[in-house]
All heavy atoms as atom14 arrays in JSON, in Angstrom:
{
  "sequence": "KMDLKDAAGVNDIFKKNKFDMVCHLAAQAGVRYSIENPKVYIESNLN",
  "atom14_mask": [
    [1, 1, 1, 1, 1, 1, 1, 1, 1, 0, 0, 0, 0, 0],
    [1, 1, 1, 1, 1, 1, 1, 1, 0, 0, 0, 0, 0, 0],
    [1, 1, 1, 1, 1, 1, 1, 1, 0, 0, 0, 0, 0, 0],
    [1, 1, 1, 1, 1, 1, 1, 1, 0, 0, 0, 0, 0, 0],
    [1, 1, 1, 1, 1, 1, 1, 1, 1, 0, 0, 0, 0, 0],
    [1, 1, 1, 1, 1, 1, 1, 1, 0, 0, 0, 0, 0, 0],
    [1, 1, 1, 1, 1, 0, 0, 0, 0, 0, 0, 0, 0, 0],
    [1, 1, 1, 1, 1, 0, 0, 0, 0, 0, 0, 0, 0, 0],
    [1, 1, 1, 1, 0, 0, 0, 0, 0, 0, 0, 0, 0, 0],
    [1, 1, 1, 1, 1, 1, 1, 0, 0, 0, 0, 0, 0, 0],
    [1, 1, 1, 1, 1, 1, 1, 1, 0, 0, 0, 0, 0, 0],
    [1, 1, 1, 1, 1, 1, 1, 1, 0, 0, 0, 0, 0, 0],
    [1, 1, 1, 1, 1, 1, 1, 1, 0, 0, 0, 0, 0, 0],
    [1, 1, 1, 1, 1, 1, 1, 1, 1, 1, 1, 0, 0, 0],
    [1, 1, 1, 1, 1, 1, 1, 1, 1, 0, 0, 0, 0, 0],
    [1, 1, 1, 1, 1, 1, 1, 1, 1, 0, 0, 0, 0, 0],
    [1, 1, 1, 1, 1, 1, 1, 1, 0, 0, 0, 0, 0, 0],
    [1, 1, 1, 1, 1, 1, 1, 1, 1, 0, 0, 0, 0, 0],
    [1, 1, 1, 1, 1, 1, 1, 1, 1, 1, 1, 0, 0, 0],
    [1, 1, 1, 1, 1, 1, 1, 1, 0, 0, 0, 0, 0, 0],
    [1, 1, 1, 1, 1, 1, 1, 1, 0, 0, 0, 0, 0, 0],
    [1, 1, 1, 1, 1, 1, 1, 0, 0, 0, 0, 0, 0, 0],
    [1, 1, 1, 1, 1, 1, 0, 0, 0, 0, 0, 0, 0, 0],
    [1, 1, 1, 1, 1, 1, 1, 1, 1, 1, 0, 0, 0, 0],
    [1, 1, 1, 1, 1, 1, 1, 1, 0, 0, 0, 0, 0, 0],
    [1, 1, 1, 1, 1, 0, 0, 0, 0, 0, 0, 0, 0, 0],
    [1, 1, 1, 1, 1, 0, 0, 0, 0, 0, 0, 0, 0, 0],
    [1, 1, 1, 1, 1, 1, 1, 1, 1, 0, 0, 0, 0, 0],
    [1, 1, 1, 1, 1, 0, 0, 0, 0, 0, 0, 0, 0, 0],
    [1, 1, 1, 1, 0, 0, 0, 0, 0, 0, 0, 0, 0, 0],
    [1, 1, 1, 1, 1, 1, 1, 0, 0, 0, 0, 0, 0, 0],
    [1, 1, 1, 1, 1, 1, 1, 1, 1, 1, 1, 0, 0, 0],
    [1, 1, 1, 1, 1, 1, 1, 1, 1, 1, 1, 1, 0, 0],
    [1, 1, 1, 1, 1, 1, 0, 0, 0, 0, 0, 0, 0, 0],
    [1, 1, 1, 1, 1, 1, 1, 1, 0, 0, 0, 0, 0, 0],
    [1, 1, 1, 1, 1, 1, 1, 1, 1, 0, 0, 0, 0, 0],
    [1, 1, 1, 1, 1, 1, 1, 1, 0, 0, 0, 0, 0, 0],
    [1, 1, 1, 1, 1, 1, 1, 0, 0, 0, 0, 0, 0, 0],
    [1, 1, 1, 1, 1, 1, 1, 1, 1, 0, 0, 0, 0, 0],
    [1, 1, 1, 1, 1, 1, 1, 0, 0, 0, 0, 0, 0, 0],
    [1, 1, 1, 1, 1, 1, 1, 1, 1, 1, 1, 1, 0, 0],
    [1, 1, 1, 1, 1, 1, 1, 1, 0, 0, 0, 0, 0, 0],
    [1, 1, 1, 1, 1, 1, 1, 1, 1, 0, 0, 0, 0, 0],
    [1, 1, 1, 1, 1, 1, 0, 0, 0, 0, 0, 0, 0, 0],
    [1, 1, 1, 1, 1, 1, 1, 1, 0, 0, 0, 0, 0, 0],
    [1, 1, 1, 1, 1, 1, 1, 1, 0, 0, 0, 0, 0, 0],
    [1, 1, 1, 1, 1, 1, 1, 1, 0, 0, 0, 0, 0, 0]
  ],
  "atom14_positions": [
    [[-18.94, 69.66, 82.38], [-19.67, 68.56, 81.7], [-20.23, 69.12, 80.42], [-21.05, 70.07, 80.53], [-20.81, 68.02, 82.62], [-21.54, 66.84, 81.98], [-22.71, 66.36, 82.82], [-23.44, 65.21, 82.04], [-24.63, 64.81, 82.83], [0.0, 0.0, 0.0], [0.0, 0.0, 0.0], [0.0, 0.0, 0.0], [0.0, 0.0, 0.0], [0.0, 0.0, 0.0]],
    [[-19.87, 68.5, 79.38], [-20.27, 69.06, 78.02], [-20.2, 67.97, 76.99], [-19.27, 67.14, 77.01], [-19.42, 70.26, 77.61], [-19.73, 70.81, 76.2], [-18.6, 72.06, 75.82], [-19.08, 73.36, 77.0], [0.0, 0.0, 0.0], [0.0, 0.0, 0.0], [0.0, 0.0, 0.0], [0.0, 0.0, 0.0], [0.0, 0.0, 0.0], [0.0, 0.0, 0.0]],
    [[-21.08, 67.93, 76.0], [-21.02, 67.02, 74.86], [-20.34, 67.81, 73.74], [-20.8, 68.83, 73.33], [-22.41, 66.64, 74.46], [-22.39, 65.38, 73.58], [-21.56, 65.33, 72.68], [-23.2, 64.44, 73.82], [0.0, 0.0, 0.0], [0.0, 0.0, 0.0], [0.0, 0.0, 0.0], [0.0, 0.0, 0.0], [0.0, 0.0, 0.0], [0.0, 0.0, 0.0]],
    [[-19.3, 67.21, 73.25], [-18.52, 67.91, 72.21], [-19.23, 67.95, 70.86], [-18.81, 68.64, 69.91], [-17.14, 67.22, 72.0], [-16.24, 67.36, 73.27], [-14.9, 66.47, 72.94], [-15.9, 68.76, 73.55], [0.0, 0.0, 0.0], [0.0, 0.0, 0.0], [0.0, 0.0, 0.0], [0.0, 0.0, 0.0], [0.0, 0.0, 0.0], [0.0, 0.0, 0.0]],
    [[-20.35, 67.23, 70.77], [-21.12, 67.35, 69.52], [-21.9, 68.67, 69.51], [-22.41, 69.11, 68.45], [-22.18, 66.2, 69.48], [-21.52, 64.81, 69.4], [-22.53, 63.77, 69.07], [-23.58, 63.56, 70.18], [-22.99, 62.94, 71.35], [0.0, 0.0, 0.0], [0.0, 0.0, 0.0], [0.0, 0.0, 0.0], [0.0, 0.0, 0.0], [0.0, 0.0, 0.0]],
    [[-21.92, 69.41, 70.66], [-22.56, 70.74, 70.74], [-21.58, 71.72, 70.22], [-20.76, 72.25, 70.95], [-22.9, 70.96, 72.17], [-23.49, 72.37, 72.43], [-23.71, 73.1, 71.48], [-23.69, 72.72, 73.63], [0.0, 0.0, 0.0], [0.0, 0.0, 0.0], [0.0, 0.0, 0.0], [0.0, 0.0, 0.0], [0.0, 0.0, 0.0], [0.0, 0.0, 0.0]],
    [[-21.75, 72.07, 68.93], [-20.76, 73.0, 68.29], [-20.72, 74.36, 68.95], [-19.7, 74.93, 69.2], [-21.14, 73.17, 66.83], [0.0, 0.0, 0.0], [0.0, 0.0, 0.0], [0.0, 0.0, 0.0], [0.0, 0.0, 0.0], [0.0, 0.0, 0.0], [0.0, 0.0, 0.0], [0.0, 0.0, 0.0], [0.0, 0.0, 0.0], [0.0, 0.0, 0.0]],
    [[-21.93, 74.92, 69.33], [-21.98, 76.22, 69.98], [-21.3, 76.19, 71.4], [-20.58, 77.1, 71.77], [-23.46, 76.69, 70.12], [0.0, 0.0, 0.0], [0.0, 0.0, 0.0], [0.0, 0.0, 0.0], [0.0, 0.0, 0.0], [0.0, 0.0, 0.0], [0.0, 0.0, 0.0], [0.0, 0.0, 0.0], [0.0, 0.0, 0.0], [0.0, 0.0, 0.0]],
    [[-21.56, 75.1, 72.11], [-20.95, 74.95, 73.4], [-19.37, 74.83, 73.33], [-18.68, 75.52, 74.11], [0.0, 0.0, 0.0], [0.0, 0.0, 0.0], [0.0, 0.0, 0.0], [0.0, 0.0, 0.0], [0.0, 0.0, 0.0], [0.0, 0.0, 0.0], [0.0, 0.0, 0.0], [0.0, 0.0, 0.0], [0.0, 0.0, 0.0], [0.0, 0.0, 0.0]],
    [[-18.91, 74.09, 72.35], [-17.44, 73.96, 72.2], [-16.87, 75.34, 71.82], [-15.85, 75.75, 72.29], [-17.17, 72.9, 71.09], [-15.69, 72.94, 70.73], [-17.54, 71.56, 71.57], [0.0, 0.0, 0.0], [0.0, 0.0, 0.0], [0.0, 0.0, 0.0], [0.0, 0.0, 0.0], [0.0, 0.0, 0.0], [0.0, 0.0, 0.0], [0.0, 0.0, 0.0]],
    [[-17.5, 75.99, 70.86], [-17.04, 77.37, 70.44], [-17.0, 78.34, 71.65], [-16.03, 79.07, 71.79], [-18.05, 77.93, 69.39], [-17.52, 79.26, 68.88], [-16.65, 79.35, 68.04], [-18.14, 80.35, 69.29], [0.0, 0.0, 0.0], [0.0, 0.0, 0.0], [0.0, 0.0, 0.0], [0.0, 0.0, 0.0], [0.0, 0.0, 0.0], [0.0, 0.0, 0.0]],
    [[-18.0, 78.2, 72.52], [-18.06, 79.11, 73.64], [-16.93, 78.89, 74.67], [-16.35, 79.81, 75.22], [-19.45, 78.91, 74.4], [-19.7, 79.95, 75.48], [-19.59, 81.15, 75.16], [-19.9, 79.54, 76.62], [0.0, 0.0, 0.0], [0.0, 0.0, 0.0], [0.0, 0.0, 0.0], [0.0, 0.0, 0.0], [0.0, 0.0, 0.0], [0.0, 0.0, 0.0]],
    [[-16.55, 77.56, 74.91], [-15.52, 77.32, 75.86], [-14.17, 77.76, 75.29], [-13.27, 78.2, 76.04], [-15.54, 75.76, 76.31], [-14.78, 75.71, 77.59], [-14.88, 74.89, 75.25], [-15.02, 74.36, 78.37], [0.0, 0.0, 0.0], [0.0, 0.0, 0.0], [0.0, 0.0, 0.0], [0.0, 0.0, 0.0], [0.0, 0.0, 0.0], [0.0, 0.0, 0.0]],
    [[-13.99, 77.64, 73.99], [-12.73, 78.15, 73.36], [-12.68, 79.69, 73.41], [-11.65, 80.26, 73.7], [-12.65, 77.74, 71.9], [-11.98, 76.36, 71.69], [-12.71, 75.21, 71.7], [-10.61, 76.28, 71.54], [-12.13, 73.98, 71.53], [-9.96, 75.07, 71.36], [-10.75, 73.87, 71.35], [0.0, 0.0, 0.0], [0.0, 0.0, 0.0], [0.0, 0.0, 0.0]],
    [[-13.87, 80.26, 73.27], [-13.95, 81.75, 73.3], [-13.62, 82.34, 74.74], [-12.96, 83.32, 74.89], [-15.33, 82.16, 72.89], [-15.48, 83.68, 72.74], [-16.88, 84.05, 72.17], [-17.03, 85.55, 72.0], [-18.4, 85.86, 71.47], [0.0, 0.0, 0.0], [0.0, 0.0, 0.0], [0.0, 0.0, 0.0], [0.0, 0.0, 0.0], [0.0, 0.0, 0.0]],
    [[-14.1, 81.6, 75.77], [-13.95, 82.07, 77.14], [-12.57, 81.78, 77.7], [-12.15, 82.36, 78.68], [-14.99, 81.42, 78.03], [-16.38, 81.97, 77.81], [-17.42, 81.28, 78.73], [-18.79, 81.79, 78.53], [-19.82, 81.1, 79.34], [0.0, 0.0, 0.0], [0.0, 0.0, 0.0], [0.0, 0.0, 0.0], [0.0, 0.0, 0.0], [0.0, 0.0, 0.0]],
    [[-11.83, 80.84, 77.08], [-10.53, 80.46, 77.55], [-9.47, 80.65, 76.4], [-9.77, 80.38, 75.3], [-10.51, 78.95, 77.96], [-11.43, 78.7, 79.08], [-11.06, 78.75, 80.25], [-12.67, 78.31, 78.75], [0.0, 0.0, 0.0], [0.0, 0.0, 0.0], [0.0, 0.0, 0.0], [0.0, 0.0, 0.0], [0.0, 0.0, 0.0], [0.0, 0.0, 0.0]],
    [[-8.32, 81.15, 76.8], [-7.23, 81.28, 75.86], [-6.31, 80.06, 76.04], [-5.33, 80.13, 76.77], [-6.54, 82.6, 76.16], [-5.31, 82.85, 75.19], [-5.7, 82.9, 73.71], [-4.51, 83.11, 72.83], [-4.84, 83.06, 71.42], [0.0, 0.0, 0.0], [0.0, 0.0, 0.0], [0.0, 0.0, 0.0], [0.0, 0.0, 0.0], [0.0, 0.0, 0.0]],
    [[-6.69, 79.01, 75.32], [-5.88, 77.78, 75.39], [-4.62, 77.91, 74.63], [-4.54, 78.39, 73.53], [-6.72, 76.58, 74.94], [-7.91, 76.26, 75.82], [-9.2, 76.33, 75.16], [-7.8, 75.88, 77.11], [-10.32, 75.97, 75.93], [-8.91, 75.59, 77.88], [-10.21, 75.68, 77.24], [0.0, 0.0, 0.0], [0.0, 0.0, 0.0], [0.0, 0.0, 0.0]],
    [[-3.49, 77.4, 75.28], [-2.25, 77.3, 74.58], [-2.11, 75.99, 73.84], [-1.27, 75.92, 72.92], [-1.07, 77.48, 75.57], [-1.13, 78.85, 76.32], [-0.9, 79.8, 75.62], [-1.4, 78.91, 77.54], [0.0, 0.0, 0.0], [0.0, 0.0, 0.0], [0.0, 0.0, 0.0], [0.0, 0.0, 0.0], [0.0, 0.0, 0.0], [0.0, 0.0, 0.0]],
    [[-2.84, 74.99, 74.31], [-2.82, 73.71, 73.65], [-4.03, 72.92, 73.99], [-4.8, 73.19, 74.97], [-1.53, 72.94, 74.04], [-1.37, 72.64, 75.54], [0.23, 71.93, 76.0], [1.28, 73.33, 75.66], [0.0, 0.0, 0.0], [0.0, 0.0, 0.0], [0.0, 0.0, 0.0], [0.0, 0.0, 0.0], [0.0, 0.0, 0.0], [0.0, 0.0, 0.0]],
    [[-4.3, 71.87, 73.18], [-5.43, 70.99, 73.41], [-4.98, 69.6, 73.3], [-4.23, 69.22, 72.44], [-6.58, 71.25, 72.38], [-7.74, 70.29, 72.51], [-7.07, 72.69, 72.42], [0.0, 0.0, 0.0], [0.0, 0.0, 0.0], [0.0, 0.0, 0.0], [0.0, 0.0, 0.0], [0.0, 0.0, 0.0], [0.0, 0.0, 0.0], [0.0, 0.0, 0.0]],
    [[-5.44, 68.72, 74.25], [-5.27, 67.28, 74.13], [-6.59, 66.6, 74.05], [-7.34, 66.6, 75.06], [-4.42, 66.74, 75.35], [-3.99, 65.04, 75.23], [0.0, 0.0, 0.0], [0.0, 0.0, 0.0], [0.0, 0.0, 0.0], [0.0, 0.0, 0.0], [0.0, 0.0, 0.0], [0.0, 0.0, 0.0], [0.0, 0.0, 0.0], [0.0, 0.0, 0.0]],
    [[-6.97, 66.15, 72.89], [-8.29, 65.61, 72.61], [-8.32, 64.1, 72.77], [-7.84, 63.4, 71.89], [-8.78, 66.04, 71.25], [-10.11, 65.53, 70.87], [-11.21, 65.72, 71.56], [-10.47, 64.69, 69.8], [-12.28, 65.16, 71.0], [-11.82, 64.49, 69.95], [0.0, 0.0, 0.0], [0.0, 0.0, 0.0], [0.0, 0.0, 0.0], [0.0, 0.0, 0.0]],
    [[-8.78, 63.64, 73.91], [-8.83, 62.19, 74.17], [-10.24, 61.67, 74.12], [-10.43, 60.46, 74.1], [-8.25, 61.95, 75.59], [-6.77, 62.34, 75.75], [-6.33, 62.18, 77.18], [-5.85, 61.59, 74.81], [0.0, 0.0, 0.0], [0.0, 0.0, 0.0], [0.0, 0.0, 0.0], [0.0, 0.0, 0.0], [0.0, 0.0, 0.0], [0.0, 0.0, 0.0]],
    [[-11.28, 62.49, 74.17], [-12.63, 62.09, 74.23], [-12.98, 61.35, 72.89], [-12.61, 61.86, 71.81], [-13.59, 63.27, 74.46], [0.0, 0.0, 0.0], [0.0, 0.0, 0.0], [0.0, 0.0, 0.0], [0.0, 0.0, 0.0], [0.0, 0.0, 0.0], [0.0, 0.0, 0.0], [0.0, 0.0, 0.0], [0.0, 0.0, 0.0], [0.0, 0.0, 0.0]],
    [[-13.74, 60.27, 73.03], [-14.19, 59.54, 71.84], [-15.13, 58.47, 72.23], [-15.17, 58.07, 73.45], [-13.01, 58.9, 71.13], [0.0, 0.0, 0.0], [0.0, 0.0, 0.0], [0.0, 0.0, 0.0], [0.0, 0.0, 0.0], [0.0, 0.0, 0.0], [0.0, 0.0, 0.0], [0.0, 0.0, 0.0], [0.0, 0.0, 0.0], [0.0, 0.0, 0.0]],
    [[-15.91, 57.98, 71.3], [-16.71, 56.81, 71.58], [-15.79, 55.58, 71.27], [-15.37, 55.38, 70.19], [-17.94, 56.73, 70.61], [-18.74, 55.44, 70.8], [-19.2, 55.25, 72.26], [-19.89, 56.09, 72.78], [-18.82, 54.11, 72.88], [0.0, 0.0, 0.0], [0.0, 0.0, 0.0], [0.0, 0.0, 0.0], [0.0, 0.0, 0.0], [0.0, 0.0, 0.0]],
    [[-15.45, 54.86, 72.33], [-14.49, 53.71, 72.23], [-15.19, 52.46, 71.88], [-16.47, 52.39, 71.99], [-13.74, 53.63, 73.52], [0.0, 0.0, 0.0], [0.0, 0.0, 0.0], [0.0, 0.0, 0.0], [0.0, 0.0, 0.0], [0.0, 0.0, 0.0], [0.0, 0.0, 0.0], [0.0, 0.0, 0.0], [0.0, 0.0, 0.0], [0.0, 0.0, 0.0]],
    [[-14.45, 51.4, 71.61], [-14.99, 50.06, 71.48], [-15.16, 49.67, 70.0], [-15.93, 50.24, 69.24], [0.0, 0.0, 0.0], [0.0, 0.0, 0.0], [0.0, 0.0, 0.0], [0.0, 0.0, 0.0], [0.0, 0.0, 0.0], [0.0, 0.0, 0.0], [0.0, 0.0, 0.0], [0.0, 0.0, 0.0], [0.0, 0.0, 0.0], [0.0, 0.0, 0.0]],
    [[-14.44, 48.57, 69.65], [-14.51, 48.05, 68.22], [-15.87, 47.36, 67.99], [-16.6, 47.67, 67.03], [-13.38, 47.12, 67.97], [-13.58, 46.36, 66.64], [-11.99, 47.87, 67.9], [0.0, 0.0, 0.0], [0.0, 0.0, 0.0], [0.0, 0.0, 0.0], [0.0, 0.0, 0.0], [0.0, 0.0, 0.0], [0.0, 0.0, 0.0], [0.0, 0.0, 0.0]],
    [[-16.26, 46.51, 68.93], [-17.49, 45.75, 68.64], [-18.73, 46.55, 68.78], [-19.71, 46.33, 68.02], [-17.49, 44.53, 69.61], [-16.31, 43.58, 69.41], [-16.36, 42.35, 70.28], [-15.07, 41.69, 70.1], [-14.15, 41.56, 71.1], [-14.37, 42.19, 72.3], [-13.06, 41.0, 70.9], [0.0, 0.0, 0.0], [0.0, 0.0, 0.0], [0.0, 0.0, 0.0]],
    [[-18.73, 47.52, 69.73], [-19.88, 48.35, 69.92], [-20.16, 49.21, 68.6], [-21.3, 49.54, 68.28], [-19.62, 49.28, 71.06], [-20.82, 50.1, 71.55], [-21.94, 49.49, 72.14], [-20.84, 51.47, 71.37], [-23.05, 50.27, 72.57], [-21.89, 52.21, 71.77], [-23.02, 51.62, 72.38], [-24.08, 52.35, 72.82], [0.0, 0.0, 0.0], [0.0, 0.0, 0.0]],
    [[-19.12, 49.52, 67.86], [-19.27, 50.28, 66.67], [-20.05, 49.56, 65.56], [-20.64, 50.21, 64.71], [-17.91, 50.71, 66.11], [-17.15, 49.65, 65.58], [0.0, 0.0, 0.0], [0.0, 0.0, 0.0], [0.0, 0.0, 0.0], [0.0, 0.0, 0.0], [0.0, 0.0, 0.0], [0.0, 0.0, 0.0], [0.0, 0.0, 0.0], [0.0, 0.0, 0.0]],
    [[-20.02, 48.22, 65.61], [-20.81, 47.44, 64.62], [-22.23, 47.56, 64.92], [-23.1, 47.6, 63.95], [-20.32, 45.98, 64.64], [-18.81, 45.89, 64.22], [-21.16, 45.11, 63.75], [-18.23, 44.5, 64.45], [0.0, 0.0, 0.0], [0.0, 0.0, 0.0], [0.0, 0.0, 0.0], [0.0, 0.0, 0.0], [0.0, 0.0, 0.0], [0.0, 0.0, 0.0]],
    [[-22.59, 47.62, 66.18], [-24.05, 47.67, 66.59], [-24.6, 49.13, 66.53], [-25.81, 49.34, 66.37], [-24.17, 47.12, 68.01], [-23.68, 45.71, 68.14], [-23.52, 45.31, 69.59], [-24.0, 46.04, 70.43], [-22.91, 44.27, 69.86], [0.0, 0.0, 0.0], [0.0, 0.0, 0.0], [0.0, 0.0, 0.0], [0.0, 0.0, 0.0], [0.0, 0.0, 0.0]],
    [[-23.71, 50.13, 66.74], [-24.18, 51.51, 66.91], [-23.3, 52.47, 66.02], [-22.67, 53.35, 66.61], [-24.12, 51.96, 68.38], [-24.95, 51.03, 69.29], [-26.14, 51.26, 69.48], [-24.29, 50.04, 69.82], [0.0, 0.0, 0.0], [0.0, 0.0, 0.0], [0.0, 0.0, 0.0], [0.0, 0.0, 0.0], [0.0, 0.0, 0.0], [0.0, 0.0, 0.0]],
    [[-23.37, 52.32, 64.7], [-22.47, 53.1, 63.9], [-22.63, 54.6, 64.0], [-21.7, 55.38, 63.94], [-22.76, 52.57, 62.51], [-24.15, 51.93, 62.59], [-24.18, 51.35, 63.93], [0.0, 0.0, 0.0], [0.0, 0.0, 0.0], [0.0, 0.0, 0.0], [0.0, 0.0, 0.0], [0.0, 0.0, 0.0], [0.0, 0.0, 0.0], [0.0, 0.0, 0.0]],
    [[-23.88, 55.04, 64.15], [-24.11, 56.51, 64.11], [-23.49, 57.2, 65.27], [-23.06, 58.34, 65.16], [-25.63, 56.75, 64.06], [-26.29, 56.42, 62.77], [-27.79, 56.82, 62.73], [-28.36, 56.51, 61.35], [-29.86, 56.89, 61.33], [0.0, 0.0, 0.0], [0.0, 0.0, 0.0], [0.0, 0.0, 0.0], [0.0, 0.0, 0.0], [0.0, 0.0, 0.0]],
    [[-23.36, 56.5, 66.42], [-22.82, 57.05, 67.62], [-21.37, 57.43, 67.32], [-20.86, 58.51, 67.79], [-22.87, 56.14, 68.82], [-22.07, 56.67, 70.0], [-24.35, 55.87, 69.17], [0.0, 0.0, 0.0], [0.0, 0.0, 0.0], [0.0, 0.0, 0.0], [0.0, 0.0, 0.0], [0.0, 0.0, 0.0], [0.0, 0.0, 0.0], [0.0, 0.0, 0.0]],
    [[-20.65, 56.59, 66.53], [-19.22, 56.83, 66.22], [-19.06, 57.96, 65.25], [-18.11, 58.73, 65.35], [-18.65, 55.53, 65.68], [-18.45, 54.51, 66.75], [-19.55, 53.83, 67.3], [-17.23, 54.3, 67.39], [-19.41, 52.91, 68.34], [-17.09, 53.4, 68.46], [-18.18, 52.71, 68.9], [-18.03, 51.86, 69.93], [0.0, 0.0, 0.0], [0.0, 0.0, 0.0]],
    [[-19.96, 58.07, 64.27], [-19.86, 59.2, 63.32], [-20.08, 60.5, 64.09], [-19.27, 61.49, 63.93], [-20.98, 59.1, 62.3], [-20.83, 57.83, 61.45], [-21.0, 60.3, 61.38], [-19.56, 57.64, 60.67], [0.0, 0.0, 0.0], [0.0, 0.0, 0.0], [0.0, 0.0, 0.0], [0.0, 0.0, 0.0], [0.0, 0.0, 0.0], [0.0, 0.0, 0.0]],
    [[-21.05, 60.55, 65.04], [-21.37, 61.77, 65.8], [-20.23, 62.11, 66.81], [-19.7, 63.21, 66.85], [-22.65, 61.62, 66.55], [-23.8, 61.55, 65.6], [-25.13, 61.15, 66.38], [-25.07, 60.94, 67.53], [-26.19, 61.08, 65.7], [0.0, 0.0, 0.0], [0.0, 0.0, 0.0], [0.0, 0.0, 0.0], [0.0, 0.0, 0.0], [0.0, 0.0, 0.0]],
    [[-19.76, 61.13, 67.54], [-18.86, 61.31, 68.67], [-17.36, 61.46, 68.19], [-16.58, 62.2, 68.73], [-18.92, 60.25, 69.7], [-20.19, 60.25, 70.32], [0.0, 0.0, 0.0], [0.0, 0.0, 0.0], [0.0, 0.0, 0.0], [0.0, 0.0, 0.0], [0.0, 0.0, 0.0], [0.0, 0.0, 0.0], [0.0, 0.0, 0.0], [0.0, 0.0, 0.0]],
    [[-17.0, 60.65, 67.22], [-15.65, 60.59, 66.72], [-15.27, 61.49, 65.58], [-14.09, 61.85, 65.36], [-15.22, 59.19, 66.44], [-15.26, 58.25, 67.71], [-15.63, 58.73, 68.75], [-14.9, 57.03, 67.55], [0.0, 0.0, 0.0], [0.0, 0.0, 0.0], [0.0, 0.0, 0.0], [0.0, 0.0, 0.0], [0.0, 0.0, 0.0], [0.0, 0.0, 0.0]],
    [[-16.27, 61.88, 64.76], [-16.0, 62.68, 63.59], [-16.59, 64.09, 63.81], [-15.91, 65.1, 63.71], [-16.55, 62.03, 62.33], [-15.83, 60.74, 61.9], [-16.54, 60.18, 60.63], [-14.4, 60.99, 61.62], [0.0, 0.0, 0.0], [0.0, 0.0, 0.0], [0.0, 0.0, 0.0], [0.0, 0.0, 0.0], [0.0, 0.0, 0.0], [0.0, 0.0, 0.0]],
    [[-17.9, 64.17, 64.09], [-18.54, 65.46, 64.22], [-17.93, 66.25, 65.42], [-17.61, 67.46, 65.31], [-20.04, 65.35, 64.43], [-20.71, 64.8, 63.23], [-20.18, 64.82, 62.1], [-21.96, 64.35, 63.34], [0.0, 0.0, 0.0], [0.0, 0.0, 0.0], [0.0, 0.0, 0.0], [0.0, 0.0, 0.0], [0.0, 0.0, 0.0], [0.0, 0.0, 0.0]]
  ]
}
């Protein structure tokens, strides 16, 4: 369980594991919700 907005945490999990590949599916979903909560999308989908 980890929030990918945590740069140090993400760096740590890459450091501890030698990944051969990554499939990044995590995101803040929802078209209409993005109109009401824009900052969540910037943080979750871009940062």
